[in-house]
Amino acid sequence: MAIIITDECINCGACEPECPNNAIYEGGIEWAIKDGTSITGAYSLENGDQIDAASKQRPISEEYYYIVPDKCTECVGFHEEPQCAAVCPVDCCVPDPDRVESEEILLSRKSRLHL
């Protein structure tokens, strides 16, 4: 499952630099698949939508830090545990119960993001 940041976030920013996938953004900031990856051109999101990897997407949250689920691998293949959760001082980086994903799916996403 992808990790989400709850509304208990205090906007400290500790999580953002820890993410190996550049999946964490400050509230209100647009995101792109290419941010922190080597991907160019067309990219298929998990929901089937095709986007340009460089195209800016609407922020998931305007108020606090957020994690882009299509870029989150729960740090599988990089670390033993999600680094955002490890450094969060208020424990607001938690598994998303609406997005349960196997280790195989997370590793596949990692390989797609890091060519």
PDB file of N, CA and C in Angstrom:
ATOM      1  N   MET A   1       0.840  -1.176   0.000  1.00  0.00           N
ATOM      2  CA  MET A   1       0.000   0.000   0.000  1.00  0.00           C
ATOM      3  C   MET A   1       0.881   1.232   0.000  1.00  0.00           C
ATOM      4  N   ALA A   2       0.430   2.262  -0.611  1.00  0.00           N
ATOM      5  CA  ALA A   2       1.147   3.530  -0.593  1.00  0.00           C
ATOM      6  C   ALA A   2       0.986   4.157   0.783  1.00  0.00           C
ATOM      7  N   ILE A   3       1.858   5.082   1.072  1.00  0.00           N
ATOM      8  CA  ILE A   3       1.796   5.815   2.331  1.00  0.00           C
ATOM      9  C   ILE A   3       1.034   7.115   2.068  1.00  0.00           C
ATOM     10  N   ILE A   4       0.267   7.556   3.057  1.00  0.00           N
ATOM     11  CA  ILE A   4      -0.407   8.849   2.978  1.00  0.00           C
ATOM     12  C   ILE A   4       0.044   9.702   4.154  1.00  0.00           C
ATOM     13  N   ILE A   5      -0.114  10.997   4.010  1.00  0.00           N
ATOM     14  CA  ILE A   5       0.160  11.927   5.094  1.00  0.00           C
ATOM     15  C   ILE A   5      -1.192  12.446   5.567  1.00  0.00           C
ATOM     16  N   THR A   6      -1.466  12.259   6.837  1.00  0.00           N
ATOM     17  CA  THR A   6      -2.767  12.653   7.383  1.00  0.00           C
ATOM     18  C   THR A   6      -2.814  14.162   7.638  1.00  0.00           C
ATOM     19  N   ASP A   7      -4.003  14.632   7.954  1.00  0.00           N
ATOM     20  CA  ASP A   7      -4.177  16.060   8.220  1.00  0.00           C
ATOM     21  C   ASP A   7      -3.593  16.491   9.563  1.00  0.00           C
ATOM     22  N   GLU A   8      -2.958  15.571  10.266  1.00  0.00           N
ATOM     23  CA  GLU A   8      -2.230  15.914  11.491  1.00  0.00           C
ATOM     24  C   GLU A   8      -0.846  16.473  11.189  1.00  0.00           C
ATOM     25  N   CYS A   9      -0.488  16.512   9.901  1.00  0.00           N
ATOM     26  CA  CYS A   9       0.816  17.015   9.461  1.00  0.00           C
ATOM     27  C   CYS A   9       1.030  18.441   9.973  1.00  0.00           C
ATOM     28  N   ILE A  10       2.233  18.701  10.508  1.00  0.00           N
ATOM     29  CA  ILE A  10       2.572  20.031  11.012  1.00  0.00           C
ATOM     30  C   ILE A  10       3.427  20.814  10.009  1.00  0.00           C
ATOM     31  N   ASN A  11       3.560  20.287   8.781  1.00  0.00           N
ATOM     32  CA  ASN A  11       4.316  20.937   7.706  1.00  0.00           C
ATOM     33  C   ASN A  11       5.765  21.212   8.072  1.00  0.00           C
ATOM     34  N   CYS A  12       6.385  20.270   8.790  1.00  0.00           N
ATOM     35  CA  CYS A  12       7.784  20.454   9.175  1.00  0.00           C
ATOM     36  C   CYS A  12       8.733  20.190   8.012  1.00  0.00           C
ATOM     37  N   GLY A  13       8.314  19.368   7.049  1.00  0.00           N
ATOM     38  CA  GLY A  13       9.140  19.084   5.878  1.00  0.00           C
ATOM     39  C   GLY A  13      10.197  18.016   6.081  1.00  0.00           C
ATOM     40  N   ALA A  14      10.228  17.367   7.227  1.00  0.00           N
ATOM     41  CA  ALA A  14      11.255  16.350   7.488  1.00  0.00           C
ATOM     42  C   ALA A  14      11.177  15.177   6.513  1.00  0.00           C
ATOM     43  N   CYS A  15       9.991  14.862   6.055  1.00  0.00           N
ATOM     44  CA  CYS A  15       9.784  13.701   5.191  1.00  0.00           C
ATOM     45  C   CYS A  15      10.288  13.892   3.761  1.00  0.00           C
ATOM     46  N   GLU A  16      10.131  15.077   3.239  1.00  0.00           N
ATOM     47  CA  GLU A  16      10.395  15.317   1.816  1.00  0.00           C
ATOM     48  C   GLU A  16      11.786  14.897   1.358  1.00  0.00           C
ATOM     49  N   PRO A  17      12.863  15.314   2.023  1.00  0.00           N
ATOM     50  CA  PRO A  17      14.189  14.932   1.528  1.00  0.00           C
ATOM     51  C   PRO A  17      14.529  13.458   1.728  1.00  0.00           C
ATOM     52  N   GLU A  18      13.750  12.750   2.530  1.00  0.00           N
ATOM     53  CA  GLU A  18      14.016  11.340   2.807  1.00  0.00           C
ATOM     54  C   GLU A  18      13.480  10.406   1.731  1.00  0.00           C
ATOM     55  N   CYS A  19      12.578  10.885   0.893  1.00  0.00           N
ATOM     56  CA  CYS A  19      11.911  10.031  -0.095  1.00  0.00           C
ATOM     57  C   CYS A  19      12.820   9.736  -1.284  1.00  0.00           C
ATOM     58  N   PRO A  20      13.148   8.463  -1.527  1.00  0.00           N
ATOM     59  CA  PRO A  20      14.016   8.118  -2.655  1.00  0.00           C
ATOM     60  C   PRO A  20      13.325   8.248  -4.018  1.00  0.00           C
ATOM     61  N   ASN A  21      12.018   8.469  -4.015  1.00  0.00           N
ATOM     62  CA  ASN A  21      11.260   8.566  -5.264  1.00  0.00           C
ATOM     63  C   ASN A  21      10.787   9.978  -5.585  1.00  0.00           C
ATOM     64  N   ASN A  22      11.143  10.933  -4.762  1.00  0.00           N
ATOM     65  CA  ASN A  22      10.627  12.293  -4.915  1.00  0.00           C
ATOM     66  C   ASN A  22       9.101  12.270  -5.022  1.00  0.00           C
ATOM     67  N   ALA A  23       8.476  11.498  -4.148  1.00  0.00           N
ATOM     68  CA  ALA A  23       7.019  11.355  -4.164  1.00  0.00           C
ATOM     69  C   ALA A  23       6.326  12.302  -3.191  1.00  0.00           C
ATOM     70  N   ILE A  24       7.089  13.027  -2.383  1.00  0.00           N
ATOM     71  CA  ILE A  24       6.509  13.892  -1.355  1.00  0.00           C
ATOM     72  C   ILE A  24       6.657  15.349  -1.766  1.00  0.00           C
ATOM     73  N   TYR A  25       5.541  16.073  -1.663  1.00  0.00           N
ATOM     74  CA  TYR A  25       5.502  17.478  -2.072  1.00  0.00           C
ATOM     75  C   TYR A  25       4.859  18.318  -0.979  1.00  0.00           C
ATOM     76  N   GLU A  26       5.293  19.550  -0.909  1.00  0.00           N
ATOM     77  CA  GLU A  26       4.681  20.505   0.008  1.00  0.00           C
ATOM     78  C   GLU A  26       3.276  20.825  -0.481  1.00  0.00           C
ATOM     79  N   GLY A  27       2.365  21.040   0.427  1.00  0.00           N
ATOM     80  CA  GLY A  27       0.999  21.375   0.069  1.00  0.00           C
ATOM     81  C   GLY A  27       0.942  22.533  -0.915  1.00  0.00           C
ATOM     82  N   GLY A  28       0.099  22.400  -1.935  1.00  0.00           N
ATOM     83  CA  GLY A  28      -0.086  23.449  -2.930  1.00  0.00           C
ATOM     84  C   GLY A  28       0.894  23.416  -4.084  1.00  0.00           C
ATOM     85  N   ILE A  29       1.920  22.568  -4.005  1.00  0.00           N
ATOM     86  CA  ILE A  29       2.931  22.484  -5.064  1.00  0.00           C
ATOM     87  C   ILE A  29       2.513  21.422  -6.082  1.00  0.00           C
ATOM     88  N   GLU A  30       2.577  21.773  -7.358  1.00  0.00           N
ATOM     89  CA  GLU A  30       2.273  20.809  -8.413  1.00  0.00           C
ATOM     90  C   GLU A  30       3.369  19.744  -8.469  1.00  0.00           C
ATOM     91  N   TRP A  31       3.013  18.555  -8.964  1.00  0.00           N
ATOM     92  CA  TRP A  31       3.969  17.466  -9.054  1.00  0.00           C
ATOM     93  C   TRP A  31       4.054  16.960 -10.487  1.00  0.00           C
ATOM     94  N   ALA A  32       5.144  16.250 -10.777  1.00  0.00           N
ATOM     95  CA  ALA A  32       5.325  15.606 -12.078  1.00  0.00           C
ATOM     96  C   ALA A  32       6.045  14.274 -11.869  1.00  0.00           C
ATOM     97  N   ILE A  33       5.734  13.310 -12.692  1.00  0.00           N
ATOM     98  CA  ILE A  33       6.403  12.003 -12.616  1.00  0.00           C
ATOM     99  C   ILE A  33       7.911  12.178 -12.796  1.00  0.00           C
ATOM    100  N   LYS A  34       8.339  13.068 -13.661  1.00  0.00           N
ATOM    101  CA  LYS A  34       9.769  13.219 -13.950  1.00  0.00           C
ATOM    102  C   LYS A  34      10.564  13.769 -12.772  1.00  0.00           C
ATOM    103  N   ASP A  35       9.918  14.413 -11.823  1.00  0.00           N
ATOM    104  CA  ASP A  35      10.635  14.971 -10.674  1.00  0.00           C
ATOM    105  C   ASP A  35      11.405  13.866  -9.954  1.00  0.00           C
ATOM    106  N   GLY A  36      12.718  13.965  -9.974  1.00  0.00           N
ATOM    107  CA  GLY A  36      13.559  12.992  -9.287  1.00  0.00           C
ATOM    108  C   GLY A  36      13.712  11.656  -9.984  1.00  0.00           C
ATOM    109  N   THR A  37      13.232  11.547 -11.215  1.00  0.00           N
ATOM    110  CA  THR A  37      13.372  10.300 -11.977  1.00  0.00           C
ATOM    111  C   THR A  37      14.016  10.617 -13.327  1.00  0.00           C
ATOM    112  N   SER A  38      14.304   9.579 -14.082  1.00  0.00           N
ATOM    113  CA  SER A  38      14.883   9.769 -15.410  1.00  0.00           C
ATOM    114  C   SER A  38      13.844   9.572 -16.507  1.00  0.00           C
ATOM    115  N   ILE A  39      12.577   9.559 -16.142  1.00  0.00           N
ATOM    116  CA  ILE A  39      11.502   9.286 -17.092  1.00  0.00           C
ATOM    117  C   ILE A  39      11.204  10.503 -17.959  1.00  0.00           C
ATOM    118  N   THR A  40      11.034  10.245 -19.250  1.00  0.00           N
ATOM    119  CA  THR A  40      10.619  11.274 -20.200  1.00  0.00           C
ATOM    120  C   THR A  40       9.509  10.701 -21.068  1.00  0.00           C
ATOM    121  N   GLY A  41       8.752  11.569 -21.693  1.00  0.00           N
ATOM    122  CA  GLY A  41       7.707  11.127 -22.601  1.00  0.00           C
ATOM    123  C   GLY A  41       6.460  10.647 -21.894  1.00  0.00           C
ATOM    124  N   ALA A  42       5.712   9.773 -22.564  1.00  0.00           N
ATOM    125  CA  ALA A  42       4.437   9.288 -22.041  1.00  0.00           C
ATOM    126  C   ALA A  42       4.651   8.353 -20.864  1.00  0.00           C
ATOM    127  N   TYR A  43       3.747   8.454 -19.902  1.00  0.00           N
ATOM    128  CA  TYR A  43       3.803   7.594 -18.715  1.00  0.00           C
ATOM    129  C   TYR A  43       2.368   7.206 -18.357  1.00  0.00           C
ATOM    130  N   SER A  44       2.166   5.937 -18.030  1.00  0.00           N
ATOM    131  CA  SER A  44       0.840   5.448 -17.648  1.00  0.00           C
ATOM    132  C   SER A  44       0.722   5.439 -16.137  1.00  0.00           C
ATOM    133  N   LEU A  45      -0.256   6.185 -15.631  1.00  0.00           N
ATOM    134  CA  LEU A  45      -0.522   6.173 -14.198  1.00  0.00           C
ATOM    135  C   LEU A  45      -1.222   4.870 -13.832  1.00  0.00           C
ATOM    136  N   GLU A  46      -1.265   4.563 -12.560  1.00  0.00           N
ATOM    137  CA  GLU A  46      -1.877   3.316 -12.096  1.00  0.00           C
ATOM    138  C   GLU A  46      -3.354   3.226 -12.473  1.00  0.00           C
ATOM    139  N   ASN A  47      -4.032   4.367 -12.610  1.00  0.00           N
ATOM    140  CA  ASN A  47      -5.461   4.349 -12.966  1.00  0.00           C
ATOM    141  C   ASN A  47      -5.681   4.218 -14.470  1.00  0.00           C
ATOM    142  N   GLY A  48      -4.586   4.115 -15.242  1.00  0.00           N
ATOM    143  CA  GLY A  48      -4.685   3.945 -16.683  1.00  0.00           C
ATOM    144  C   GLY A  48      -4.536   5.226 -17.485  1.00  0.00           C
ATOM    145  N   ASP A  49      -4.579   6.374 -16.833  1.00  0.00           N
ATOM    146  CA  ASP A  49      -4.410   7.651 -17.529  1.00  0.00           C
ATOM    147  C   ASP A  49      -2.998   7.763 -18.092  1.00  0.00           C
ATOM    148  N   GLN A  50      -2.904   8.269 -19.306  1.00  0.00           N
ATOM    149  CA  GLN A  50      -1.607   8.537 -19.935  1.00  0.00           C
ATOM    150  C   GLN A  50      -1.295  10.014 -19.762  1.00  0.00           C
ATOM    151  N   ILE A  51      -0.116  10.311 -19.235  1.00  0.00           N
ATOM    152  CA  ILE A  51       0.311  11.705 -19.093  1.00  0.00           C
ATOM    153  C   ILE A  51       1.730  11.835 -19.603  1.00  0.00           C
ATOM    154  N   ASP A  52       2.130  13.055 -19.882  1.00  0.00           N
ATOM    155  CA  ASP A  52       3.526  13.315 -20.185  1.00  0.00           C
ATOM    156  C   ASP A  52       4.259  13.381 -18.852  1.00  0.00           C
ATOM    157  N   ALA A  53       5.389  12.713 -18.745  1.00  0.00           N
ATOM    158  CA  ALA A  53       6.119  12.641 -17.478  1.00  0.00           C
ATOM    159  C   ALA A  53       6.491  14.027 -16.949  1.00  0.00           C
ATOM    160  N   ALA A  54       6.655  14.988 -17.839  1.00  0.00           N
ATOM    161  CA  ALA A  54       7.045  16.334 -17.427  1.00  0.00           C
ATOM    162  C   ALA A  54       5.857  17.227 -17.091  1.00  0.00           C
ATOM    163  N   SER A  55       4.657  16.782 -17.431  1.00  0.00           N
ATOM    164  CA  SER A  55       3.496  17.649 -17.210  1.00  0.00           C
ATOM    165  C   SER A  55       3.206  17.796 -15.723  1.00  0.00           C
ATOM    166  N   LYS A  56       2.938  19.027 -15.331  1.00  0.00           N
ATOM    167  CA  LYS A  56       2.627  19.322 -13.940  1.00  0.00           C
ATOM    168  C   LYS A  56       1.195  18.911 -13.645  1.00  0.00           C
ATOM    169  N   GLN A  57       1.014  18.244 -12.508  1.00  0.00           N
ATOM    170  CA  GLN A  57      -0.286  17.749 -12.073  1.00  0.00           C
ATOM    171  C   GLN A  57      -0.754  18.559 -10.863  1.00  0.00           C
ATOM    172  N   ARG A  58      -2.057  18.600 -10.670  1.00  0.00           N
ATOM    173  CA  ARG A  58      -2.628  19.355  -9.552  1.00  0.00           C
ATOM    174  C   ARG A  58      -2.177  18.767  -8.219  1.00  0.00           C
ATOM    175  N   PRO A  59      -1.925  19.614  -7.246  1.00  0.00           N
ATOM    176  CA  PRO A  59      -1.541  19.118  -5.920  1.00  0.00           C
ATOM    177  C   PRO A  59      -2.640  18.239  -5.321  1.00  0.00           C
ATOM    178  N   ILE A  60      -2.248  17.237  -4.583  1.00  0.00           N
ATOM    179  CA  ILE A  60      -3.201  16.368  -3.913  1.00  0.00           C
ATOM    180  C   ILE A  60      -3.742  17.056  -2.662  1.00  0.00           C
ATOM    181  N   SER A  61      -2.927  17.919  -2.074  1.00  0.00           N
ATOM    182  CA  SER A  61      -3.353  18.691  -0.907  1.00  0.00           C
ATOM    183  C   SER A  61      -2.873  20.127  -1.062  1.00  0.00           C
ATOM    184  N   GLU A  62      -3.692  21.045  -0.679  1.00  0.00           N
ATOM    185  CA  GLU A  62      -3.315  22.458  -0.683  1.00  0.00           C
ATOM    186  C   GLU A  62      -2.774  22.889   0.680  1.00  0.00           C
ATOM    187  N   GLU A  63      -3.070  22.108   1.704  1.00  0.00           N
ATOM    188  CA  GLU A  63      -2.815  22.542   3.076  1.00  0.00           C
ATOM    189  C   GLU A  63      -1.583  21.948   3.730  1.00  0.00           C
ATOM    190  N   TYR A  64      -1.235  20.715   3.408  1.00  0.00           N
ATOM    191  CA  TYR A  64      -0.104  20.072   4.066  1.00  0.00           C
ATOM    192  C   TYR A  64       0.609  19.162   3.071  1.00  0.00           C
ATOM    193  N   TYR A  65       1.789  18.687   3.478  1.00  0.00           N
ATOM    194  CA  TYR A  65       2.579  17.806   2.624  1.00  0.00           C
ATOM    195  C   TYR A  65       1.734  16.615   2.188  1.00  0.00           C
ATOM    196  N   TYR A  66       2.036  16.106   0.996  1.00  0.00           N
ATOM    197  CA  TYR A  66       1.307  14.953   0.480  1.00  0.00           C
ATOM    198  C   TYR A  66       2.250  14.035  -0.280  1.00  0.00           C
ATOM    199  N   ILE A  67       1.813  12.802  -0.463  1.00  0.00           N
ATOM    200  CA  ILE A  67       2.586  11.788  -1.186  1.00  0.00           C
ATOM    201  C   ILE A  67       1.813  11.405  -2.442  1.00  0.00           C
ATOM    202  N   VAL A  68       2.494  11.420  -3.574  1.00  0.00           N
ATOM    203  CA  VAL A  68       1.890  11.010  -4.848  1.00  0.00           C
ATOM    204  C   VAL A  68       1.898   9.475  -4.886  1.00  0.00           C
ATOM    205  N   PRO A  69       0.724   8.843  -4.849  1.00  0.00           N
ATOM    206  CA  PRO A  69       0.672   7.382  -4.792  1.00  0.00           C
ATOM    207  C   PRO A  69       1.351   6.702  -5.980  1.00  0.00           C
ATOM    208  N   ASP A  70       1.302   7.325  -7.150  1.00  0.00           N
ATOM    209  CA  ASP A  70       1.921   6.737  -8.341  1.00  0.00           C
ATOM    210  C   ASP A  70       3.445   6.774  -8.288  1.00  0.00           C
ATOM    211  N   LYS A  71       4.004   7.439  -7.293  1.00  0.00           N
ATOM    212  CA  LYS A  71       5.458   7.497  -7.139  1.00  0.00           C
ATOM    213  C   LYS A  71       5.935   6.815  -5.854  1.00  0.00           C
ATOM    214  N   CYS A  72       5.009   6.474  -4.964  1.00  0.00           N
ATOM    215  CA  CYS A  72       5.375   5.889  -3.671  1.00  0.00           C
ATOM    216  C   CYS A  72       5.627   4.387  -3.811  1.00  0.00           C
ATOM    217  N   THR A  73       6.761   3.943  -3.283  1.00  0.00           N
ATOM    218  CA  THR A  73       7.080   2.514  -3.254  1.00  0.00           C
ATOM    219  C   THR A  73       7.251   2.023  -1.815  1.00  0.00           C
ATOM    220  N   GLU A  74       6.840   2.833  -0.850  1.00  0.00           N
ATOM    221  CA  GLU A  74       7.031   2.525   0.564  1.00  0.00           C
ATOM    222  C   GLU A  74       8.508   2.270   0.865  1.00  0.00           C
ATOM    223  N   CYS A  75       9.381   2.801   0.045  1.00  0.00           N
ATOM    224  CA  CYS A  75      10.839   2.641   0.158  1.00  0.00           C
ATOM    225  C   CYS A  75      11.299   1.206  -0.101  1.00  0.00           C
ATOM    226  N   VAL A  76      10.403   0.344  -0.609  1.00  0.00           N
ATOM    227  CA  VAL A  76      10.779  -1.031  -0.948  1.00  0.00           C
ATOM    228  C   VAL A  76      11.876  -0.974  -2.012  1.00  0.00           C
ATOM    229  N   GLY A  77      12.923  -1.744  -1.784  1.00  0.00           N
ATOM    230  CA  GLY A  77      14.055  -1.748  -2.705  1.00  0.00           C
ATOM    231  C   GLY A  77      15.106  -0.704  -2.359  1.00  0.00           C
ATOM    232  N   PHE A  78      14.794   0.158  -1.406  1.00  0.00           N
ATOM    233  CA  PHE A  78      15.740   1.186  -0.961  1.00  0.00           C
ATOM    234  C   PHE A  78      16.084   1.026   0.525  1.00  0.00           C
ATOM    235  N   HIS A  79      15.056   0.878   1.359  1.00  0.00           N
ATOM    236  CA  HIS A  79      15.221   0.850   2.808  1.00  0.00           C
ATOM    237  C   HIS A  79      14.327  -0.233   3.414  1.00  0.00           C
ATOM    238  N   GLU A  80      14.568  -0.553   4.665  1.00  0.00           N
ATOM    239  CA  GLU A  80      13.797  -1.561   5.379  1.00  0.00           C
ATOM    240  C   GLU A  80      12.390  -1.090   5.755  1.00  0.00           C
ATOM    241  N   GLU A  81      12.215   0.240   5.860  1.00  0.00           N
ATOM    242  CA  GLU A  81      10.924   0.805   6.243  1.00  0.00           C
ATOM    243  C   GLU A  81      10.733   2.130   5.518  1.00  0.00           C
ATOM    244  N   PRO A  82       9.492   2.597   5.392  1.00  0.00           N
ATOM    245  CA  PRO A  82       9.253   3.896   4.767  1.00  0.00           C
ATOM    246  C   PRO A  82       9.968   5.002   5.554  1.00  0.00           C
ATOM    247  N   GLN A  83      10.822   5.715   4.879  1.00  0.00           N
ATOM    248  CA  GLN A  83      11.627   6.730   5.549  1.00  0.00           C
ATOM    249  C   GLN A  83      10.813   7.936   5.999  1.00  0.00           C
ATOM    250  N   CYS A  84       9.749   8.252   5.291  1.00  0.00           N
ATOM    251  CA  CYS A  84       8.902   9.370   5.717  1.00  0.00           C
ATOM    252  C   CYS A  84       8.322   9.087   7.095  1.00  0.00           C
ATOM    253  N   ALA A  85       7.850   7.866   7.296  1.00  0.00           N
ATOM    254  CA  ALA A  85       7.279   7.489   8.589  1.00  0.00           C
ATOM    255  C   ALA A  85       8.353   7.449   9.666  1.00  0.00           C
ATOM    256  N   ALA A  86       9.556   7.032   9.308  1.00  0.00           N
ATOM    257  CA  ALA A  86      10.640   6.923  10.286  1.00  0.00           C
ATOM    258  C   ALA A  86      11.050   8.282  10.844  1.00  0.00           C
ATOM    259  N   VAL A  87      10.967   9.342  10.015  1.00  0.00           N
ATOM    260  CA  VAL A  87      11.429  10.663  10.470  1.00  0.00           C
ATOM    261  C   VAL A  87      10.303  11.585  10.917  1.00  0.00           C
ATOM    262  N   CYS A  88       9.068  11.202  10.699  1.00  0.00           N
ATOM    263  CA  CYS A  88       7.939  12.081  11.023  1.00  0.00           C
ATOM    264  C   CYS A  88       7.797  12.262  12.539  1.00  0.00           C
ATOM    265  N   PRO A  89       7.864  13.503  13.013  1.00  0.00           N
ATOM    266  CA  PRO A  89       7.782  13.730  14.453  1.00  0.00           C
ATOM    267  C   PRO A  89       6.380  13.575  15.036  1.00  0.00           C
ATOM    268  N   VAL A  90       5.354  13.556  14.200  1.00  0.00           N
ATOM    269  CA  VAL A  90       3.982  13.422  14.707  1.00  0.00           C
ATOM    270  C   VAL A  90       3.279  12.158  14.196  1.00  0.00           C
ATOM    271  N   ASP A  91       4.033  11.259  13.591  1.00  0.00           N
ATOM    272  CA  ASP A  91       3.506   9.974  13.121  1.00  0.00           C
ATOM    273  C   ASP A  91       2.291  10.122  12.213  1.00  0.00           C
ATOM    274  N   CYS A  92       2.368  11.051  11.256  1.00  0.00           N
ATOM    275  CA  CYS A  92       1.237  11.230  10.342  1.00  0.00           C
ATOM    276  C   CYS A  92       1.465  10.589   8.973  1.00  0.00           C
ATOM    277  N   CYS A  93       2.598   9.918   8.770  1.00  0.00           N
ATOM    278  CA  CYS A  93       2.848   9.166   7.538  1.00  0.00           C
ATOM    279  C   CYS A  93       2.450   7.720   7.819  1.00  0.00           C
ATOM    280  N   VAL A  94       1.303   7.327   7.273  1.00  0.00           N
ATOM    281  CA  VAL A  94       0.716   6.023   7.600  1.00  0.00           C
ATOM    282  C   VAL A  94       0.318   5.287   6.322  1.00  0.00           C
ATOM    283  N   PRO A  95       0.187   3.957   6.396  1.00  0.00           N
ATOM    284  CA  PRO A  95      -0.278   3.199   5.230  1.00  0.00           C
ATOM    285  C   PRO A  95      -1.675   3.644   4.806  1.00  0.00           C
ATOM    286  N   ASP A  96      -1.891   3.715   3.503  1.00  0.00           N
ATOM    287  CA  ASP A  96      -3.187   4.092   2.953  1.00  0.00           C
ATOM    288  C   ASP A  96      -4.075   2.848   2.889  1.00  0.00           C
ATOM    289  N   PRO A  97      -5.107   2.767   3.712  1.00  0.00           N
ATOM    290  CA  PRO A  97      -5.955   1.572   3.724  1.00  0.00           C
ATOM    291  C   PRO A  97      -6.739   1.383   2.425  1.00  0.00           C
ATOM    292  N   ASP A  98      -6.850   2.436   1.615  1.00  0.00           N
ATOM    293  CA  ASP A  98      -7.579   2.341   0.350  1.00  0.00           C
ATOM    294  C   ASP A  98      -6.685   1.930  -0.814  1.00  0.00           C
ATOM    295  N   ARG A  99      -5.403   1.712  -0.544  1.00  0.00           N
ATOM    296  CA  ARG A  99      -4.468   1.386  -1.619  1.00  0.00           C
ATOM    297  C   ARG A  99      -3.500   0.299  -1.157  1.00  0.00           C
ATOM    298  N   VAL A 100      -4.016  -0.895  -1.010  1.00  0.00           N
ATOM    299  CA  VAL A 100      -3.203  -2.028  -0.593  1.00  0.00           C
ATOM    300  C   VAL A 100      -2.436  -2.558  -1.802  1.00  0.00           C
ATOM    301  N   GLU A 101      -1.114  -2.634  -1.669  1.00  0.00           N
ATOM    302  CA  GLU A 101      -0.271  -3.083  -2.781  1.00  0.00           C
ATOM    303  C   GLU A 101       0.757  -4.090  -2.279  1.00  0.00           C
ATOM    304  N   SER A 102       1.033  -5.081  -3.091  1.00  0.00           N
ATOM    305  CA  SER A 102       1.994  -6.115  -2.727  1.00  0.00           C
ATOM    306  C   SER A 102       3.421  -5.596  -2.929  1.00  0.00           C
ATOM    307  N   GLU A 103       4.368  -6.308  -2.349  1.00  0.00           N
ATOM    308  CA  GLU A 103       5.776  -5.961  -2.540  1.00  0.00           C
ATOM    309  C   GLU A 103       6.136  -6.036  -4.026  1.00  0.00           C
ATOM    310  N   GLU A 104       5.544  -6.990  -4.742  1.00  0.00           N
ATOM    311  CA  GLU A 104       5.787  -7.136  -6.177  1.00  0.00           C
ATOM    312  C   GLU A 104       5.364  -5.870  -6.939  1.00  0.00           C
ATOM    313  N   ILE A 105       4.203  -5.332  -6.607  1.00  0.00           N
ATOM    314  CA  ILE A 105       3.724  -4.107  -7.253  1.00  0.00           C
ATOM    315  C   ILE A 105       4.648  -2.935  -6.930  1.00  0.00           C
ATOM    316  N   LEU A 106       5.054  -2.838  -5.662  1.00  0.00           N
ATOM    317  CA  LEU A 106       5.934  -1.740  -5.254  1.00  0.00           C
ATOM    318  C   LEU A 106       7.294  -1.836  -5.941  1.00  0.00           C
ATOM    319  N   LEU A 107       7.848  -3.041  -6.073  1.00  0.00           N
ATOM    320  CA  LEU A 107       9.123  -3.213  -6.768  1.00  0.00           C
ATOM    321  C   LEU A 107       8.988  -2.906  -8.258  1.00  0.00           C
ATOM    322  N   SER A 108       7.852  -3.280  -8.840  1.00  0.00           N
ATOM    323  CA  SER A 108       7.607  -2.979 -10.245  1.00  0.00           C
ATOM    324  C   SER A 108       7.551  -1.468 -10.461  1.00  0.00           C
ATOM    325  N   ARG A 109       6.885  -0.755  -9.555  1.00  0.00           N
ATOM    326  CA  ARG A 109       6.808   0.708  -9.657  1.00  0.00           C
ATOM    327  C   ARG A 109       8.214   1.309  -9.529  1.00  0.00           C
ATOM    328  N   LYS A 110       8.990   0.790  -8.604  1.00  0.00           N
ATOM    329  CA  LYS A 110      10.363   1.267  -8.418  1.00  0.00           C
ATOM    330  C   LYS A 110      11.152   1.125  -9.719  1.00  0.00           C
ATOM    331  N   SER A 111      11.037  -0.022 -10.375  1.00  0.00           N
ATOM    332  CA  SER A 111      11.791  -0.238 -11.606  1.00  0.00           C
ATOM    333  C   SER A 111      11.291   0.653 -12.744  1.00  0.00           C
ATOM    334  N   ARG A 112       9.999   0.984 -12.752  1.00  0.00           N
ATOM    335  CA  ARG A 112       9.467   1.888 -13.772  1.00  0.00           C
ATOM    336  C   ARG A 112       9.955   3.325 -13.541  1.00  0.00           C
ATOM    337  N   LEU A 113      10.078   3.725 -12.273  1.00  0.00           N
ATOM    338  CA  LEU A 113      10.483   5.088 -11.946  1.00  0.00           C
ATOM    339  C   LEU A 113      11.985   5.309 -12.069  1.00  0.00           C
ATOM    340  N   HIS A 114      12.750   4.252 -11.872  1.00  0.00           N
ATOM    341  CA  HIS A 114      14.207   4.381 -11.859  1.00  0.00           C
ATOM    342  C   HIS A 114      14.793   3.488 -12.935  1.00  0.00           C
ATOM    343  N   LEU A 115      14.718   3.959 -14.171  1.00  0.00           N
ATOM    344  CA  LEU A 115      15.192   3.181 -15.330  1.00  0.00           C
ATOM    345  C   LEU A 115      16.679   2.926 -15.265  1.00  0.00           C
TER     346      LEU A 115
END
